[in-house]
Amino acid sequence: NLAKHMVFIMVLIHIIACLWWGVSAGETSEDTWISTAGLEDVGLVNQYSTSYHWALTQFTGNHELYPVSFPERVYNIIVLLFAFVVSASYISSITSSMTRLQMLTGRQAQMFSALRQYLRDNGISRRLTVRIQRNAHYAYLEFQKTTPEQ
């Protein structure tokens, strides 16, 4: 699941980077981030890597390139708002997953605690208690294997 999120973010950053480059590459009358950074003659690969770096920094907040022309500023504002929403939803998703994991772990601990208490209250021998607990643990692990992960 985490790998899917990472691939999605990488593709999203690629699209944002290509659009950022496109906004500036079409401009000829105004200065652009390409001309301000002195990247007109360095080749497309270097311009793309700089665009990708810029797009990535929109999610982290560490900017080394700044919009120069009006279209660049407008696009930058749109991307910043979009990056904020995507980051917030991504953090929300991670928080929700961690909460579910804590709830499942707590429920498992509660079930095993209830089993131990039952065995102790009913005077079950130590040897049989260990075997029952091992079996319960094994059954729980098997149940987890067959339960679809949400």
N, C-alpha and C. Protein backbone atom coordinates (compact mmCIF):
# COMPACT_ATOMS: atom_id res chain seq x y z
N ASN A 1 0.83 -1.19 0.00
CA ASN A 1 0.00 0.00 0.00
C ASN A 1 0.87 1.26 0.00
N LEU A 2 1.93 1.24 0.79
CA LEU A 2 2.85 2.37 0.84
C LEU A 2 3.54 2.55 -0.50
N ALA A 3 3.90 1.44 -1.14
CA ALA A 3 4.55 1.52 -2.45
C ALA A 3 3.62 2.16 -3.48
N LYS A 4 2.33 1.82 -3.43
CA LYS A 4 1.37 2.43 -4.35
C LYS A 4 1.29 3.94 -4.13
N HIS A 5 1.29 4.35 -2.86
CA HIS A 5 1.26 5.78 -2.56
C HIS A 5 2.51 6.48 -3.08
N MET A 6 3.66 5.84 -2.92
CA MET A 6 4.91 6.45 -3.38
C MET A 6 4.92 6.59 -4.91
N VAL A 7 4.48 5.56 -5.62
CA VAL A 7 4.42 5.63 -7.08
C VAL A 7 3.45 6.73 -7.51
N PHE A 8 2.30 6.80 -6.85
CA PHE A 8 1.32 7.84 -7.16
C PHE A 8 1.93 9.23 -6.98
N ILE A 9 2.63 9.44 -5.86
CA ILE A 9 3.24 10.74 -5.59
C ILE A 9 4.32 11.05 -6.63
N MET A 10 5.13 10.04 -7.00
CA MET A 10 6.19 10.27 -7.99
C MET A 10 5.60 10.66 -9.35
N VAL A 11 4.52 9.98 -9.75
CA VAL A 11 3.86 10.31 -11.02
C VAL A 11 3.23 11.70 -10.94
N LEU A 12 2.61 12.00 -9.82
CA LEU A 12 2.01 13.31 -9.62
C LEU A 12 3.07 14.41 -9.70
N ILE A 13 4.21 14.19 -9.07
CA ILE A 13 5.29 15.17 -9.12
C ILE A 13 5.82 15.30 -10.55
N HIS A 14 5.88 14.19 -11.28
CA HIS A 14 6.31 14.24 -12.68
C HIS A 14 5.37 15.14 -13.50
N ILE A 15 4.07 14.95 -13.32
CA ILE A 15 3.09 15.75 -14.07
C ILE A 15 3.22 17.23 -13.70
N ILE A 16 3.34 17.50 -12.40
CA ILE A 16 3.50 18.89 -11.95
C ILE A 16 4.77 19.49 -12.53
N ALA A 17 5.86 18.71 -12.55
CA ALA A 17 7.14 19.20 -13.09
C ALA A 17 7.02 19.50 -14.58
N CYS A 18 6.38 18.62 -15.32
CA CYS A 18 6.23 18.85 -16.76
C CYS A 18 5.40 20.09 -17.04
N LEU A 19 4.33 20.28 -16.27
CA LEU A 19 3.51 21.47 -16.46
C LEU A 19 4.28 22.73 -16.06
N TRP A 20 5.07 22.66 -15.00
CA TRP A 20 5.90 23.79 -14.56
C TRP A 20 6.89 24.17 -15.67
N TRP A 21 7.51 23.18 -16.27
CA TRP A 21 8.43 23.44 -17.37
C TRP A 21 7.66 24.03 -18.56
N GLY A 22 6.48 23.46 -18.85
CA GLY A 22 5.68 23.93 -19.97
C GLY A 22 5.22 25.37 -19.82
N VAL A 23 4.86 25.76 -18.60
CA VAL A 23 4.44 27.14 -18.36
C VAL A 23 5.57 28.10 -18.71
N SER A 24 6.79 27.73 -18.40
CA SER A 24 7.94 28.62 -18.63
C SER A 24 8.54 28.48 -20.02
N ALA A 25 8.52 27.30 -20.59
CA ALA A 25 9.15 27.07 -21.89
C ALA A 25 8.42 27.82 -23.00
N GLY A 26 7.13 28.02 -22.85
CA GLY A 26 6.36 28.73 -23.87
C GLY A 26 6.51 30.24 -23.79
N GLU A 27 6.97 30.75 -22.66
CA GLU A 27 7.12 32.19 -22.47
C GLU A 27 8.36 32.70 -23.21
N THR A 28 8.19 33.73 -24.01
CA THR A 28 9.35 34.32 -24.68
C THR A 28 9.48 35.81 -24.38
N SER A 29 8.38 36.46 -24.01
CA SER A 29 8.43 37.90 -23.78
C SER A 29 8.88 38.27 -22.38
N GLU A 30 8.66 37.41 -21.40
CA GLU A 30 9.02 37.71 -20.02
C GLU A 30 10.18 36.82 -19.58
N ASP A 31 10.83 37.25 -18.51
CA ASP A 31 11.80 36.37 -17.88
C ASP A 31 11.04 35.20 -17.26
N THR A 32 11.68 34.05 -17.20
CA THR A 32 11.09 32.86 -16.59
C THR A 32 12.08 32.27 -15.61
N TRP A 33 11.63 31.25 -14.89
CA TRP A 33 12.55 30.59 -13.97
C TRP A 33 13.70 29.94 -14.74
N ILE A 34 13.45 29.51 -15.97
CA ILE A 34 14.49 28.88 -16.79
C ILE A 34 15.59 29.90 -17.10
N SER A 35 15.18 31.10 -17.53
CA SER A 35 16.18 32.12 -17.86
C SER A 35 16.85 32.67 -16.61
N THR A 36 16.08 32.86 -15.53
CA THR A 36 16.64 33.39 -14.29
C THR A 36 17.66 32.44 -13.69
N ALA A 37 17.41 31.13 -13.81
CA ALA A 37 18.35 30.13 -13.27
C ALA A 37 19.49 29.85 -14.25
N GLY A 38 19.45 30.46 -15.44
CA GLY A 38 20.50 30.25 -16.43
C GLY A 38 20.48 28.87 -17.05
N LEU A 39 19.28 28.34 -17.29
CA LEU A 39 19.16 26.98 -17.80
C LEU A 39 18.69 26.91 -19.26
N GLU A 40 18.76 28.02 -20.00
CA GLU A 40 18.26 27.99 -21.38
C GLU A 40 19.06 27.04 -22.26
N ASP A 41 20.36 26.95 -22.04
CA ASP A 41 21.23 26.19 -22.94
C ASP A 41 21.78 24.91 -22.33
N VAL A 42 21.20 24.41 -21.25
CA VAL A 42 21.77 23.23 -20.58
C VAL A 42 21.16 21.92 -21.04
N GLY A 43 20.11 21.96 -21.79
CA GLY A 43 19.50 20.73 -22.27
C GLY A 43 18.24 20.38 -21.50
N LEU A 44 17.42 19.58 -22.16
CA LEU A 44 16.11 19.23 -21.62
C LEU A 44 16.20 18.37 -20.35
N VAL A 45 17.17 17.46 -20.29
CA VAL A 45 17.29 16.58 -19.11
C VAL A 45 17.58 17.41 -17.86
N ASN A 46 18.47 18.37 -17.98
CA ASN A 46 18.80 19.22 -16.83
C ASN A 46 17.60 20.09 -16.45
N GLN A 47 16.90 20.61 -17.45
CA GLN A 47 15.71 21.41 -17.16
C GLN A 47 14.63 20.55 -16.50
N TYR A 48 14.47 19.31 -16.98
CA TYR A 48 13.47 18.41 -16.37
C TYR A 48 13.84 18.10 -14.92
N SER A 49 15.10 17.78 -14.68
CA SER A 49 15.49 17.44 -13.30
C SER A 49 15.30 18.64 -12.38
N THR A 50 15.56 19.84 -12.89
CA THR A 50 15.32 21.05 -12.08
C THR A 50 13.83 21.24 -11.85
N SER A 51 13.01 20.99 -12.88
CA SER A 51 11.55 21.09 -12.73
C SER A 51 11.04 20.07 -11.73
N TYR A 52 11.57 18.84 -11.81
CA TYR A 52 11.14 17.78 -10.89
C TYR A 52 11.52 18.16 -9.46
N HIS A 53 12.72 18.70 -9.30
CA HIS A 53 13.15 19.15 -7.97
C HIS A 53 12.23 20.24 -7.44
N TRP A 54 11.87 21.19 -8.30
CA TRP A 54 10.95 22.25 -7.88
C TRP A 54 9.61 21.66 -7.46
N ALA A 55 9.08 20.73 -8.26
CA ALA A 55 7.78 20.12 -7.95
C ALA A 55 7.84 19.37 -6.62
N LEU A 56 8.94 18.69 -6.38
CA LEU A 56 9.10 17.97 -5.11
C LEU A 56 9.14 18.93 -3.93
N THR A 57 9.79 20.07 -4.11
CA THR A 57 9.88 21.03 -3.00
C THR A 57 8.54 21.68 -2.68
N GLN A 58 7.59 21.61 -3.59
CA GLN A 58 6.27 22.16 -3.30
C GLN A 58 5.57 21.36 -2.20
N PHE A 59 5.96 20.10 -2.04
CA PHE A 59 5.39 19.26 -0.99
C PHE A 59 6.15 19.40 0.32
N THR A 60 7.42 19.78 0.24
CA THR A 60 8.25 19.84 1.45
C THR A 60 8.43 21.25 1.98
N GLY A 61 8.25 22.24 1.13
CA GLY A 61 8.35 23.62 1.58
C GLY A 61 9.74 24.22 1.46
N ASN A 62 10.70 23.54 0.87
CA ASN A 62 12.06 24.04 0.72
C ASN A 62 12.25 24.48 -0.73
N HIS A 63 12.17 25.77 -0.99
CA HIS A 63 12.21 26.26 -2.37
C HIS A 63 13.56 26.88 -2.70
N GLU A 64 14.11 26.48 -3.85
CA GLU A 64 15.31 27.12 -4.37
C GLU A 64 15.00 27.87 -5.65
N LEU A 65 13.94 27.50 -6.32
CA LEU A 65 13.49 28.19 -7.53
C LEU A 65 12.21 28.94 -7.19
N TYR A 66 12.09 30.13 -7.75
CA TYR A 66 10.90 30.93 -7.50
C TYR A 66 10.27 31.32 -8.82
N PRO A 67 8.95 31.46 -8.83
CA PRO A 67 8.30 31.89 -10.07
C PRO A 67 8.72 33.33 -10.40
N VAL A 68 8.92 33.58 -11.68
CA VAL A 68 9.35 34.90 -12.11
C VAL A 68 8.23 35.61 -12.87
N SER A 69 7.60 34.92 -13.81
CA SER A 69 6.55 35.53 -14.63
C SER A 69 5.19 35.33 -13.97
N PHE A 70 4.21 36.08 -14.46
CA PHE A 70 2.85 35.97 -13.93
C PHE A 70 2.28 34.55 -14.08
N PRO A 71 2.37 33.92 -15.27
CA PRO A 71 1.84 32.55 -15.39
C PRO A 71 2.52 31.57 -14.42
N GLU A 72 3.81 31.78 -14.19
CA GLU A 72 4.52 30.91 -13.23
C GLU A 72 3.98 31.10 -11.82
N ARG A 73 3.71 32.35 -11.45
CA ARG A 73 3.17 32.62 -10.11
C ARG A 73 1.79 31.99 -9.93
N VAL A 74 0.94 32.13 -10.94
CA VAL A 74 -0.40 31.55 -10.87
C VAL A 74 -0.30 30.03 -10.73
N TYR A 75 0.53 29.43 -11.57
CA TYR A 75 0.71 27.97 -11.51
C TYR A 75 1.29 27.55 -10.16
N ASN A 76 2.23 28.32 -9.65
CA ASN A 76 2.84 28.01 -8.35
C ASN A 76 1.79 28.04 -7.24
N ILE A 77 0.92 29.02 -7.25
CA ILE A 77 -0.14 29.11 -6.24
C ILE A 77 -1.06 27.90 -6.33
N ILE A 78 -1.46 27.53 -7.54
CA ILE A 78 -2.34 26.37 -7.73
C ILE A 78 -1.66 25.11 -7.21
N VAL A 79 -0.39 24.93 -7.55
CA VAL A 79 0.34 23.73 -7.11
C VAL A 79 0.50 23.71 -5.60
N LEU A 80 0.79 24.86 -4.99
CA LEU A 80 0.93 24.90 -3.52
C LEU A 80 -0.37 24.50 -2.83
N LEU A 81 -1.49 25.01 -3.32
CA LEU A 81 -2.78 24.64 -2.73
C LEU A 81 -3.05 23.15 -2.93
N PHE A 82 -2.79 22.66 -4.13
CA PHE A 82 -2.98 21.24 -4.44
C PHE A 82 -2.07 20.37 -3.58
N ALA A 83 -0.80 20.77 -3.44
CA ALA A 83 0.16 20.01 -2.62
C ALA A 83 -0.29 19.98 -1.16
N PHE A 84 -0.85 21.08 -0.69
CA PHE A 84 -1.35 21.12 0.69
C PHE A 84 -2.47 20.09 0.89
N VAL A 85 -3.41 20.06 -0.05
CA VAL A 85 -4.53 19.12 0.06
C VAL A 85 -4.05 17.67 -0.04
N VAL A 86 -3.16 17.38 -0.99
CA VAL A 86 -2.64 16.02 -1.15
C VAL A 86 -1.86 15.60 0.09
N SER A 87 -1.01 16.48 0.60
CA SER A 87 -0.23 16.15 1.80
C SER A 87 -1.15 15.91 3.00
N ALA A 88 -2.15 16.75 3.16
CA ALA A 88 -3.08 16.59 4.28
C ALA A 88 -3.83 15.27 4.18
N SER A 89 -4.29 14.92 2.98
CA SER A 89 -5.02 13.66 2.85
C SER A 89 -4.10 12.46 3.03
N TYR A 90 -2.86 12.57 2.59
CA TYR A 90 -1.89 11.48 2.77
C TYR A 90 -1.59 11.28 4.25
N ILE A 91 -1.38 12.36 4.98
CA ILE A 91 -1.12 12.27 6.42
C ILE A 91 -2.35 11.72 7.13
N SER A 92 -3.53 12.14 6.71
CA SER A 92 -4.77 11.63 7.29
C SER A 92 -4.89 10.13 7.07
N SER A 93 -4.55 9.67 5.89
CA SER A 93 -4.61 8.24 5.57
C SER A 93 -3.65 7.44 6.45
N ILE A 94 -2.44 7.95 6.63
CA ILE A 94 -1.46 7.27 7.48
C ILE A 94 -1.93 7.24 8.92
N THR A 95 -2.46 8.36 9.40
CA THR A 95 -2.96 8.43 10.78
C THR A 95 -4.10 7.45 10.99
N SER A 96 -5.00 7.38 10.03
CA SER A 96 -6.13 6.44 10.11
C SER A 96 -5.64 5.00 10.15
N SER A 97 -4.67 4.67 9.31
CA SER A 97 -4.11 3.31 9.30
C SER A 97 -3.45 2.97 10.63
N MET A 98 -2.72 3.91 11.18
CA MET A 98 -2.05 3.66 12.47
C MET A 98 -3.08 3.47 13.59
N THR A 99 -4.16 4.25 13.55
CA THR A 99 -5.21 4.11 14.56
C THR A 99 -5.87 2.74 14.46
N ARG A 100 -6.16 2.30 13.22
CA ARG A 100 -6.75 0.96 13.03
C ARG A 100 -5.81 -0.12 13.55
N LEU A 101 -4.52 0.03 13.28
CA LEU A 101 -3.54 -0.94 13.74
C LEU A 101 -3.50 -0.99 15.26
N GLN A 102 -3.53 0.16 15.91
CA GLN A 102 -3.54 0.20 17.37
C GLN A 102 -4.80 -0.45 17.93
N MET A 103 -5.94 -0.22 17.28
CA MET A 103 -7.18 -0.83 17.75
C MET A 103 -7.13 -2.35 17.63
N LEU A 104 -6.60 -2.84 16.49
CA LEU A 104 -6.49 -4.29 16.30
C LEU A 104 -5.53 -4.90 17.31
N THR A 105 -4.40 -4.25 17.53
CA THR A 105 -3.42 -4.75 18.49
C THR A 105 -4.01 -4.75 19.90
N GLY A 106 -4.74 -3.71 20.24
CA GLY A 106 -5.38 -3.64 21.55
C GLY A 106 -6.42 -4.73 21.73
N ARG A 107 -7.19 -4.98 20.68
CA ARG A 107 -8.21 -6.03 20.74
C ARG A 107 -7.55 -7.40 20.90
N GLN A 108 -6.44 -7.63 20.18
CA GLN A 108 -5.73 -8.90 20.30
C GLN A 108 -5.20 -9.08 21.72
N ALA A 109 -4.59 -8.05 22.27
CA ALA A 109 -4.06 -8.14 23.64
C ALA A 109 -5.18 -8.39 24.64
N GLN A 110 -6.33 -7.76 24.43
CA GLN A 110 -7.47 -7.95 25.32
C GLN A 110 -7.99 -9.39 25.25
N MET A 111 -8.04 -9.95 24.04
CA MET A 111 -8.52 -11.34 23.89
C MET A 111 -7.57 -12.32 24.57
N PHE A 112 -6.26 -12.16 24.38
CA PHE A 112 -5.30 -13.06 25.01
C PHE A 112 -5.28 -12.89 26.53
N SER A 113 -5.50 -11.68 26.99
CA SER A 113 -5.58 -11.44 28.43
C SER A 113 -6.81 -12.13 29.02
N ALA A 114 -7.93 -12.06 28.32
CA ALA A 114 -9.15 -12.73 28.79
C ALA A 114 -8.96 -14.24 28.81
N LEU A 115 -8.25 -14.78 27.81
CA LEU A 115 -7.98 -16.22 27.78
C LEU A 115 -7.11 -16.62 28.97
N ARG A 116 -6.05 -15.86 29.24
CA ARG A 116 -5.18 -16.16 30.39
C ARG A 116 -5.96 -16.13 31.70
N GLN A 117 -6.81 -15.11 31.83
CA GLN A 117 -7.62 -14.97 33.05
C GLN A 117 -8.57 -16.16 33.21
N TYR A 118 -9.21 -16.58 32.12
CA TYR A 118 -10.12 -17.71 32.15
C TYR A 118 -9.38 -18.98 32.57
N LEU A 119 -8.22 -19.21 31.96
CA LEU A 119 -7.45 -20.42 32.29
C LEU A 119 -7.00 -20.40 33.75
N ARG A 120 -6.59 -19.25 34.24
CA ARG A 120 -6.16 -19.13 35.63
C ARG A 120 -7.34 -19.33 36.58
N ASP A 121 -8.48 -18.70 36.28
CA ASP A 121 -9.66 -18.80 37.14
C ASP A 121 -10.20 -20.22 37.23
N ASN A 122 -10.02 -21.01 36.18
CA ASN A 122 -10.55 -22.37 36.16
C ASN A 122 -9.52 -23.42 36.52
N GLY A 123 -8.37 -22.99 37.01
CA GLY A 123 -7.37 -23.92 37.53
C GLY A 123 -6.76 -24.85 36.49
N ILE A 124 -6.64 -24.41 35.27
CA ILE A 124 -6.04 -25.23 34.21
C ILE A 124 -4.54 -25.33 34.48
N SER A 125 -4.00 -26.53 34.28
CA SER A 125 -2.58 -26.76 34.58
C SER A 125 -1.69 -25.86 33.73
N ARG A 126 -0.50 -25.61 34.25
CA ARG A 126 0.45 -24.72 33.56
C ARG A 126 0.81 -25.27 32.17
N ARG A 127 1.04 -26.56 32.10
CA ARG A 127 1.43 -27.19 30.83
C ARG A 127 0.31 -27.05 29.79
N LEU A 128 -0.93 -27.33 30.19
CA LEU A 128 -2.05 -27.22 29.27
C LEU A 128 -2.31 -25.75 28.91
N THR A 129 -2.12 -24.85 29.86
CA THR A 129 -2.29 -23.42 29.60
C THR A 129 -1.35 -22.95 28.49
N VAL A 130 -0.09 -23.38 28.58
CA VAL A 130 0.90 -22.99 27.56
C VAL A 130 0.47 -23.52 26.20
N ARG A 131 0.02 -24.77 26.14
CA ARG A 131 -0.40 -25.36 24.86
C ARG A 131 -1.62 -24.62 24.29
N ILE A 132 -2.58 -24.29 25.15
CA ILE A 132 -3.78 -23.58 24.70
C ILE A 132 -3.42 -22.19 24.17
N GLN A 133 -2.53 -21.51 24.89
CA GLN A 133 -2.13 -20.16 24.45
C GLN A 133 -1.38 -20.21 23.12
N ARG A 134 -0.50 -21.20 22.96
CA ARG A 134 0.22 -21.35 21.69
C ARG A 134 -0.77 -21.62 20.55
N ASN A 135 -1.74 -22.49 20.82
CA ASN A 135 -2.74 -22.82 19.81
C ASN A 135 -3.57 -21.58 19.46
N ALA A 136 -3.95 -20.82 20.47
CA ALA A 136 -4.74 -19.61 20.23
C ALA A 136 -3.93 -18.60 19.41
N HIS A 137 -2.66 -18.48 19.73
CA HIS A 137 -1.79 -17.56 18.99
C HIS A 137 -1.67 -18.01 17.53
N TYR A 138 -1.47 -19.30 17.32
CA TYR A 138 -1.37 -19.85 15.97
C TYR A 138 -2.68 -19.62 15.20
N ALA A 139 -3.81 -19.88 15.86
CA ALA A 139 -5.11 -19.69 15.21
C ALA A 139 -5.32 -18.22 14.84
N TYR A 140 -4.88 -17.33 15.71
CA TYR A 140 -5.02 -15.90 15.43
C TYR A 140 -4.16 -15.50 14.22
N LEU A 141 -2.94 -16.02 14.15
CA LEU A 141 -2.07 -15.73 13.00
C LEU A 141 -2.66 -16.26 11.70
N GLU A 142 -3.24 -17.46 11.75
CA GLU A 142 -3.88 -18.03 10.56
C GLU A 142 -5.09 -17.19 10.15
N PHE A 143 -5.84 -16.72 11.14
CA PHE A 143 -6.99 -15.87 10.85
C PHE A 143 -6.55 -14.58 10.17
N GLN A 144 -5.45 -14.01 10.63
CA GLN A 144 -4.93 -12.77 10.03
C GLN A 144 -4.50 -12.99 8.59
N LYS A 145 -3.96 -14.18 8.28
CA LYS A 145 -3.53 -14.46 6.91
C LYS A 145 -4.70 -14.49 5.95
N THR A 146 -5.85 -14.98 6.41
CA THR A 146 -7.01 -15.13 5.53
C THR A 146 -7.91 -13.90 5.52
N THR A 147 -7.70 -12.98 6.46
CA THR A 147 -8.52 -11.78 6.52
C THR A 147 -7.96 -10.75 5.55
N PRO A 148 -8.79 -10.23 4.64
CA PRO A 148 -8.27 -9.22 3.70
C PRO A 148 -7.86 -7.95 4.43
N GLU A 149 -6.72 -7.41 4.01
CA GLU A 149 -6.20 -6.19 4.63
C GLU A 149 -6.91 -4.99 4.04
N GLN A 150 -7.37 -4.10 4.89
CA GLN A 150 -8.11 -2.92 4.43
C GLN A 150 -7.18 -1.75 4.29
